[in-house]
Structure formats: C-alpha cells, structure tokens
C-alpha atoms as a PDB file:
ATOM      1  CA  UNK A   1     -21.297   8.092  14.308  1.00  0.00           C
ATOM      2  CA  UNK A   2     -24.014   6.366  16.646  1.00  0.00           C
ATOM      3  CA  UNK A   3     -22.148   4.504  19.578  1.00  0.00           C
ATOM      4  CA  UNK A   4     -23.981   1.873  18.266  1.00  0.00           C
ATOM      5  CA  UNK A   5     -22.424   1.502  15.012  1.00  0.00           C
ATOM      6  CA  UNK A   6     -18.704   2.109  16.640  1.00  0.00           C
ATOM      7  CA  UNK A   7     -16.100  -0.627  16.455  1.00  0.00           C
ATOM      8  CA  UNK A   8     -15.793  -1.908  20.375  1.00  0.00           C
ATOM      9  CA  UNK A   9     -11.860  -2.014  19.878  1.00  0.00           C
ATOM     10  CA  UNK A  10     -11.459   1.250  19.377  1.00  0.00           C
ATOM     11  CA  UNK A  11     -11.782   3.578  22.377  1.00  0.00           C
ATOM     12  CA  UNK A  12     -13.878   6.462  22.769  1.00  0.00           C
ATOM     13  CA  UNK A  13     -11.644   9.097  21.122  1.00  0.00           C
ATOM     14  CA  UNK A  14     -11.098  11.184  18.231  1.00  0.00           C
ATOM     15  CA  UNK A  15      -7.644  11.089  17.952  1.00  0.00           C
ATOM     16  CA  UNK A  16      -4.678   8.560  18.533  1.00  0.00           C
ATOM     17  CA  UNK A  17      -0.805   8.450  18.150  1.00  0.00           C
ATOM     18  CA  UNK A  18       0.731   5.689  16.630  1.00  0.00           C
ATOM     19  CA  UNK A  19       1.720   3.412  19.777  1.00  0.00           C
ATOM     20  CA  UNK A  20      -1.730   3.989  20.587  1.00  0.00           C
ATOM     21  CA  UNK A  21      -2.949   2.608  17.448  1.00  0.00           C
ATOM     22  CA  UNK A  22      -0.371  -0.157  17.556  1.00  0.00           C
ATOM     23  CA  UNK A  23      -1.413  -1.203  20.588  1.00  0.00           C
ATOM     24  CA  UNK A  24      -5.372  -1.540  19.694  1.00  0.00           C
ATOM     25  CA  UNK A  25      -4.710  -3.469  16.384  1.00  0.00           C
ATOM     26  CA  UNK A  26      -2.115  -5.490  17.987  1.00  0.00           C
ATOM     27  CA  UNK A  27       1.029  -4.706  15.440  1.00  0.00           C
ATOM     28  CA  UNK A  28       4.274  -2.903  15.768  1.00  0.00           C
ATOM     29  CA  UNK A  29       4.562   0.929  14.959  1.00  0.00           C
ATOM     30  CA  UNK A  30       6.666  -0.048  12.184  1.00  0.00           C
ATOM     31  CA  UNK A  31       4.196  -2.170  10.646  1.00  0.00           C
ATOM     32  CA  UNK A  32       1.607   0.566  10.511  1.00  0.00           C
ATOM     33  CA  UNK A  33       3.856   2.834   8.626  1.00  0.00           C
ATOM     34  CA  UNK A  34       4.659   0.822   6.153  1.00  0.00           C
ATOM     35  CA  UNK A  35       0.993   0.115   5.742  1.00  0.00           C
ATOM     36  CA  UNK A  36       1.002   3.566   4.887  1.00  0.00           C
ATOM     37  CA  UNK A  37       2.856   3.466   2.161  1.00  0.00           C
ATOM     38  CA  UNK A  38       0.897   0.720   0.571  1.00  0.00           C
ATOM     39  CA  UNK A  39      -2.745   1.686   1.343  1.00  0.00           C
ATOM     40  CA  UNK A  40      -3.433   5.492  -0.295  1.00  0.00           C
ATOM     41  CA  UNK A  41      -5.833   5.717   1.866  1.00  0.00           C
ATOM     42  CA  UNK A  42      -4.154   5.472   5.259  1.00  0.00           C
ATOM     43  CA  UNK A  43      -3.014   8.854   5.700  1.00  0.00           C
ATOM     44  CA  UNK A  44      -2.594  10.298   9.336  1.00  0.00           C
ATOM     45  CA  UNK A  45      -2.524  13.366   9.824  1.00  0.00           C
ATOM     46  CA  UNK A  46       1.112  14.950  11.360  1.00  0.00           C
ATOM     47  CA  UNK A  47       1.442  17.299  14.136  1.00  0.00           C
ATOM     48  CA  UNK A  48       4.197  20.094  13.403  1.00  0.00           C
ATOM     49  CA  UNK A  49       6.628  17.900  15.264  1.00  0.00           C
ATOM     50  CA  UNK A  50       5.270  15.383  12.579  1.00  0.00           C
ATOM     51  CA  UNK A  51       3.943  12.928  14.937  1.00  0.00           C
ATOM     52  CA  UNK A  52       0.995  11.024  13.193  1.00  0.00           C
ATOM     53  CA  UNK A  53      -2.113  11.628  14.426  1.00  0.00           C
ATOM     54  CA  UNK A  54      -4.492   8.812  13.407  1.00  0.00           C
ATOM     55  CA  UNK A  55      -8.088   9.605  13.582  1.00  0.00           C
ATOM     56  CA  UNK A  56     -11.390   7.298  14.292  1.00  0.00           C
ATOM     57  CA  UNK A  57     -11.814   6.590  10.972  1.00  0.00           C
ATOM     58  CA  UNK A  58      -8.144   5.824  10.274  1.00  0.00           C
ATOM     59  CA  UNK A  59      -7.802   3.207  13.125  1.00  0.00           C
ATOM     60  CA  UNK A  60     -10.925   1.885  11.237  1.00  0.00           C
ATOM     61  CA  UNK A  61      -9.071   0.951   8.695  1.00  0.00           C
ATOM     62  CA  UNK A  62      -5.859   0.228  10.293  1.00  0.00           C
ATOM     63  CA  UNK A  63      -7.976  -2.845  11.990  1.00  0.00           C
ATOM     64  CA  UNK A  64     -10.173  -3.459   8.567  1.00  0.00           C
ATOM     65  CA  UNK A  65      -6.221  -4.418   7.170  1.00  0.00           C
ATOM     66  CA  UNK A  66      -5.034  -5.960  10.223  1.00  0.00           C
ATOM     67  CA  UNK A  67      -8.042  -8.104   9.710  1.00  0.00           C
ATOM     68  CA  UNK A  68      -7.749  -8.598   6.060  1.00  0.00           C
ATOM     69  CA  UNK A  69      -3.708  -9.343   6.115  1.00  0.00           C
ATOM     70  CA  UNK A  70      -3.842 -11.367   9.557  1.00  0.00           C
ATOM     71  CA  UNK A  71      -7.155 -12.860  10.138  1.00  0.00           C
ATOM     72  CA  UNK A  72      -8.589 -13.380   6.240  1.00  0.00           C
ATOM     73  CA  UNK A  73      -5.305 -14.153   4.897  1.00  0.00           C
ATOM     74  CA  UNK A  74      -4.982 -11.652   2.140  1.00  0.00           C
ATOM     75  CA  UNK A  75      -1.527 -10.550   0.577  1.00  0.00           C
ATOM     76  CA  UNK A  76      -1.045  -6.777   0.342  1.00  0.00           C
ATOM     77  CA  UNK A  77      -2.383  -6.501  -3.155  1.00  0.00           C
ATOM     78  CA  UNK A  78      -5.289  -8.451  -2.338  1.00  0.00           C
ATOM     79  CA  UNK A  79      -6.148  -6.374   0.367  1.00  0.00           C
ATOM     80  CA  UNK A  80      -6.058  -3.398  -1.760  1.00  0.00           C
ATOM     81  CA  UNK A  81      -8.903  -4.646  -4.285  1.00  0.00           C
ATOM     82  CA  UNK A  82     -10.877  -5.563  -1.246  1.00  0.00           C
ATOM     83  CA  UNK A  83     -10.828  -2.581   0.123  1.00  0.00           C
ATOM     84  CA  UNK A  84     -11.145  -1.088  -3.082  1.00  0.00           C
ATOM     85  CA  UNK A  85     -14.581  -3.323  -3.662  1.00  0.00           C
ATOM     86  CA  UNK A  86     -16.007  -2.591  -0.232  1.00  0.00           C
ATOM     87  CA  UNK A  87     -15.455   1.292  -1.149  1.00  0.00           C
ATOM     88  CA  UNK A  88     -17.219   0.737  -4.772  1.00  0.00           C
ATOM     89  CA  UNK A  89     -14.762   1.271  -6.794  1.00  0.00           C
ATOM     90  CA  UNK A  90     -12.196  -0.382  -8.765  1.00  0.00           C
ATOM     91  CA  UNK A  91      -8.309  -0.559  -7.284  1.00  0.00           C
ATOM     92  CA  UNK A  92      -6.443   2.754  -7.978  1.00  0.00           C
ATOM     93  CA  UNK A  93      -5.595   3.349 -11.735  1.00  0.00           C
ATOM     94  CA  UNK A  94      -1.685   4.199 -12.277  1.00  0.00           C
ATOM     95  CA  UNK A  95      -1.289   8.158 -12.941  1.00  0.00           C
ATOM     96  CA  UNK A  96      -0.376   8.995 -16.579  1.00  0.00           C
ATOM     97  CA  UNK A  97       3.224  10.231 -15.541  1.00  0.00           C
ATOM     98  CA  UNK A  98       3.959   7.185 -14.095  1.00  0.00           C
ATOM     99  CA  UNK A  99       2.426   4.903 -16.426  1.00  0.00           C
ATOM    100  CA  UNK A 100       4.956   6.940 -19.250  1.00  0.00           C
ATOM    101  CA  UNK A 101       7.646   6.082 -17.259  1.00  0.00           C
ATOM    102  CA  UNK A 102       6.709   2.580 -16.797  1.00  0.00           C
ATOM    103  CA  UNK A 103       6.528   2.489 -20.504  1.00  0.00           C
ATOM    104  CA  UNK A 104       9.889   4.030 -20.972  1.00  0.00           C
ATOM    105  CA  UNK A 105      12.129   1.714 -18.888  1.00  0.00           C
ATOM    106  CA  UNK A 106      10.060  -1.227 -20.616  1.00  0.00           C
ATOM    107  CA  UNK A 107      10.990   0.074 -23.911  1.00  0.00           C
ATOM    108  CA  UNK A 108      14.753   0.978 -23.034  1.00  0.00           C
ATOM    109  CA  UNK A 109      14.464  -3.068 -20.985  1.00  0.00           C
ATOM    110  CA  UNK A 110      13.494  -4.316 -24.922  1.00  0.00           C
ATOM    111  CA  UNK A 111      15.664  -2.478 -26.734  1.00  0.00           C
ATOM    112  CA  UNK A 112      18.676  -3.585 -24.182  1.00  0.00           C
ATOM    113  CA  UNK A 113      17.625  -7.532 -25.172  1.00  0.00           C
ATOM    114  CA  UNK A 114      17.338  -6.837 -29.004  1.00  0.00           C
ATOM    115  CA  UNK A 115      21.383  -5.657 -28.513  1.00  0.00           C
ATOM    116  CA  UNK A 116      22.158  -8.524 -26.018  1.00  0.00           C
ATOM    117  CA  UNK A 117      20.615 -10.755 -28.060  1.00  0.00           C
ATOM    118  CA  UNK A 118      22.346  -9.279 -31.236  1.00  0.00           C
ATOM    119  CA  UNK A 119      25.475  -9.458 -29.806  1.00  0.00           C
ATOM    120  CA  UNK A 120      25.175 -13.276 -28.615  1.00  0.00           C
ATOM    121  CA  UNK A 121      24.432 -14.082 -32.452  1.00  0.00           C
ATOM    122  CA  UNK A 122      27.677 -12.611 -33.192  1.00  0.00           C
ATOM    123  CA  UNK A 123      29.809 -14.443 -30.867  1.00  0.00           C
ATOM    124  CA  UNK A 124      27.788 -17.769 -31.565  1.00  0.00           C
ATOM    125  CA  UNK A 125      28.876 -17.442 -34.877  1.00  0.00           C
ATOM    126  CA  UNK A 126      32.092 -19.319 -36.264  1.00  0.00           C
ATOM    127  CA  UNK A 127      34.927 -16.671 -36.910  1.00  0.00           C
ATOM    128  CA  UNK A 128      32.944 -13.794 -35.691  1.00  0.00           C
END
C-alpha cells in the first residue's frame, strides 16, 4: 500500500501488540477482545505465548469498527452489516450445523409450550 493510502492514525510499522492497538483506537484491551468475538473478520495472529499480534489491516479494521460504533452510532449488529456491505457481500450466513441446532432448540421449546398449555388447560377445568 502506498504511503498516501495509509491511515495517518496508524504508526508506520507492520505489527502491533494489543496495548498499542488499544491506545491507537482509544479503547481498553478488553474491548478489542470483545470485538474479536463479535466481528469474524477481526482475527489477530497469536504468538507462541498466546499474545495477540495485530497487522496493519487488523488495526485499520479496529479503527473502522470504532468509528462505526462510537462516531456513527451503530450497534454491533449494524456495524457488522455496514462492514459486510463495504466488503461487497451480505452478512455472514449462519452455518448449517448452527442452523440445525437452533431448529432443534426451537422445536423443543414449542413442544414444552404445548405441554405447559395442556397442563394449564387441565388445571383450569373445574374438578380437574
């Protein structure tokens, strides 16, 4: 990337530790760790000692997420949608295994509701 295309908020180096990224973005390190769990594209590398190492691209994404949330007022879900649109795609589809698990839980919940309704109906009848 040419110097002209670089974000002036990001120092001129290729890799950053979590504390450096937190300082650049003006957030606490725990916020960055939370964002990693909420934004699939934010996946810094880890060293052998499990320390996070952010690339320039990661830092740029952190700054974009920060701007969407703090400056533009988006929610986490809204920021995800904006990032997906900017990448030219739609929001990430739910994996088939996850969708199947959700469907199973939904069916179990519906069955439990039917049982509760049936029990409530029995209890509501006089002489039951």
